């Protein structure tokens, strides 16, 4: 079993292999629990990083839809200009 150094600020790096296995990513929250045999268990907190994932998914969807939005805006602009030209008449 490998040992890890605790810093002056009482911080310890979670080994990547274990973080990956537990699904812990940068920005996630973790909880510490004491077990009956005086061990300390570290677990990913429930709902951890949910807001970040929700925002990321919304931005991804928005980015995918931007091409459609730009096309609709351009078509709408043409239609409005044509309508105005008919009502206002030639310049």
C-alpha atoms as a PDB file:
ATOM      1  CA  UNK A   1       0.000   0.000   0.000  1.00  0.00           C
ATOM      2  CA  UNK A   2       1.470   3.348  -1.057  1.00  0.00           C
ATOM      3  CA  UNK A   3       1.679   6.217   1.426  1.00  0.00           C
ATOM      4  CA  UNK A   4       0.923   9.854   0.605  1.00  0.00           C
ATOM      5  CA  UNK A   5       2.251  12.989   2.299  1.00  0.00           C
ATOM      6  CA  UNK A   6      -0.162  15.343   4.091  1.00  0.00           C
ATOM      7  CA  UNK A   7       0.687  19.016   3.442  1.00  0.00           C
ATOM      8  CA  UNK A   8       0.876  21.778   6.072  1.00  0.00           C
ATOM      9  CA  UNK A   9      -2.661  22.742   5.058  1.00  0.00           C
ATOM     10  CA  UNK A  10      -3.837  19.167   5.777  1.00  0.00           C
ATOM     11  CA  UNK A  11      -4.286  18.399   2.073  1.00  0.00           C
ATOM     12  CA  UNK A  12      -3.736  15.063   0.353  1.00  0.00           C
ATOM     13  CA  UNK A  13      -3.833  14.345  -3.371  1.00  0.00           C
ATOM     14  CA  UNK A  14      -6.278  11.616  -4.369  1.00  0.00           C
ATOM     15  CA  UNK A  15      -4.417   9.157  -6.606  1.00  0.00           C
ATOM     16  CA  UNK A  16      -5.717   9.433 -10.185  1.00  0.00           C
ATOM     17  CA  UNK A  17      -6.440   5.724 -10.438  1.00  0.00           C
ATOM     18  CA  UNK A  18      -8.687   5.866  -7.352  1.00  0.00           C
ATOM     19  CA  UNK A  19     -10.311   9.167  -8.368  1.00  0.00           C
ATOM     20  CA  UNK A  20     -11.131   7.740 -11.797  1.00  0.00           C
ATOM     21  CA  UNK A  21     -12.563   4.600 -10.226  1.00  0.00           C
ATOM     22  CA  UNK A  22     -14.768   6.669  -7.886  1.00  0.00           C
ATOM     23  CA  UNK A  23     -15.785   9.064 -10.661  1.00  0.00           C
ATOM     24  CA  UNK A  24     -14.190  12.033  -8.884  1.00  0.00           C
ATOM     25  CA  UNK A  25     -13.238  14.904 -11.192  1.00  0.00           C
ATOM     26  CA  UNK A  26     -11.848  18.406 -10.615  1.00  0.00           C
ATOM     27  CA  UNK A  27     -14.575  20.583  -9.080  1.00  0.00           C
ATOM     28  CA  UNK A  28     -16.390  17.652  -7.456  1.00  0.00           C
ATOM     29  CA  UNK A  29     -17.092  17.541  -3.734  1.00  0.00           C
ATOM     30  CA  UNK A  30     -16.102  14.629  -1.532  1.00  0.00           C
ATOM     31  CA  UNK A  31     -17.182  13.516   1.933  1.00  0.00           C
ATOM     32  CA  UNK A  32     -15.077  11.925   4.647  1.00  0.00           C
ATOM     33  CA  UNK A  33     -16.614   9.215   6.806  1.00  0.00           C
ATOM     34  CA  UNK A  34     -15.174   7.384   9.793  1.00  0.00           C
ATOM     35  CA  UNK A  35     -15.635   3.630   9.735  1.00  0.00           C
ATOM     36  CA  UNK A  36     -16.054   1.331  12.740  1.00  0.00           C
ATOM     37  CA  UNK A  37     -12.431   0.253  12.576  1.00  0.00           C
ATOM     38  CA  UNK A  38     -11.189   3.902  12.808  1.00  0.00           C
ATOM     39  CA  UNK A  39     -10.432   4.120   9.095  1.00  0.00           C
ATOM     40  CA  UNK A  40     -11.402   7.169   7.053  1.00  0.00           C
ATOM     41  CA  UNK A  41     -13.426   6.634   3.883  1.00  0.00           C
ATOM     42  CA  UNK A  42     -13.500   9.252   1.121  1.00  0.00           C
ATOM     43  CA  UNK A  43     -16.511   9.207  -1.218  1.00  0.00           C
ATOM     44  CA  UNK A  44     -17.777  11.429  -3.995  1.00  0.00           C
ATOM     45  CA  UNK A  45     -20.596  13.601  -2.643  1.00  0.00           C
ATOM     46  CA  UNK A  46     -24.039  12.923  -4.107  1.00  0.00           C
ATOM     47  CA  UNK A  47     -25.024  15.463  -6.735  1.00  0.00           C
ATOM     48  CA  UNK A  48     -21.449  16.620  -6.962  1.00  0.00           C
ATOM     49  CA  UNK A  49     -20.703  18.827  -9.980  1.00  0.00           C
ATOM     50  CA  UNK A  50     -24.341  18.601 -11.097  1.00  0.00           C
ATOM     51  CA  UNK A  51     -24.633  22.313 -11.816  1.00  0.00           C
ATOM     52  CA  UNK A  52     -21.462  22.325 -13.888  1.00  0.00           C
ATOM     53  CA  UNK A  53     -22.627  19.343 -15.928  1.00  0.00           C
ATOM     54  CA  UNK A  54     -26.063  20.905 -16.443  1.00  0.00           C
ATOM     55  CA  UNK A  55     -24.555  24.193 -17.618  1.00  0.00           C
ATOM     56  CA  UNK A  56     -22.089  22.391 -19.880  1.00  0.00           C
ATOM     57  CA  UNK A  57     -24.903  20.369 -21.474  1.00  0.00           C
ATOM     58  CA  UNK A  58     -26.979  23.528 -22.004  1.00  0.00           C
ATOM     59  CA  UNK A  59     -24.051  25.312 -23.674  1.00  0.00           C
ATOM     60  CA  UNK A  60     -23.343  22.286 -25.873  1.00  0.00           C
ATOM     61  CA  UNK A  61     -26.991  22.215 -26.991  1.00  0.00           C
ATOM     62  CA  UNK A  62     -26.972  25.980 -27.564  1.00  0.00           C
ATOM     63  CA  UNK A  63     -23.781  25.740 -29.639  1.00  0.00           C
ATOM     64  CA  UNK A  64     -25.286  22.958 -31.791  1.00  0.00           C
ATOM     65  CA  UNK A  65     -28.456  25.016 -32.327  1.00  0.00           C
ATOM     66  CA  UNK A  66     -26.601  28.240 -33.247  1.00  0.00           C
ATOM     67  CA  UNK A  67     -26.302  27.268 -36.927  1.00  0.00           C
ATOM     68  CA  UNK A  68     -30.072  26.793 -37.120  1.00  0.00           C
ATOM     69  CA  UNK A  69     -30.676  30.026 -35.208  1.00  0.00           C
ATOM     70  CA  UNK A  70     -28.396  32.011 -37.541  1.00  0.00           C
ATOM     71  CA  UNK A  71     -30.163  30.555 -40.585  1.00  0.00           C
ATOM     72  CA  UNK A  72     -33.594  31.471 -39.198  1.00  0.00           C
ATOM     73  CA  UNK A  73     -32.397  34.976 -38.299  1.00  0.00           C
ATOM     74  CA  UNK A  74     -31.046  35.530 -41.803  1.00  0.00           C
ATOM     75  CA  UNK A  75     -34.292  34.265 -43.375  1.00  0.00           C
ATOM     76  CA  UNK A  76     -36.351  36.465 -41.049  1.00  0.00           C
ATOM     77  CA  UNK A  77     -34.230  39.507 -41.862  1.00  0.00           C
ATOM     78  CA  UNK A  78     -34.759  38.928 -45.609  1.00  0.00           C
ATOM     79  CA  UNK A  79     -38.517  38.500 -45.121  1.00  0.00           C
ATOM     80  CA  UNK A  80     -38.768  41.682 -43.016  1.00  0.00           C
ATOM     81  CA  UNK A  81     -36.753  43.687 -45.551  1.00  0.00           C
ATOM     82  CA  UNK A  82     -38.920  42.393 -48.425  1.00  0.00           C
ATOM     83  CA  UNK A  83     -42.083  43.258 -46.483  1.00  0.00           C
ATOM     84  CA  UNK A  84     -40.830  46.747 -45.697  1.00  0.00           C
ATOM     85  CA  UNK A  85     -39.825  47.300 -49.328  1.00  0.00           C
ATOM     86  CA  UNK A  86     -43.365  46.494 -50.479  1.00  0.00           C
ATOM     87  CA  UNK A  87     -44.933  48.889 -47.939  1.00  0.00           C
ATOM     88  CA  UNK A  88     -42.460  51.700 -48.284  1.00  0.00           C
ATOM     89  CA  UNK A  89     -41.894  51.386 -52.022  1.00  0.00           C
ATOM     90  CA  UNK A  90     -38.728  51.829 -54.036  1.00  0.00           C
ATOM     91  CA  UNK A  91     -36.214  54.386 -52.878  1.00  0.00           C
END
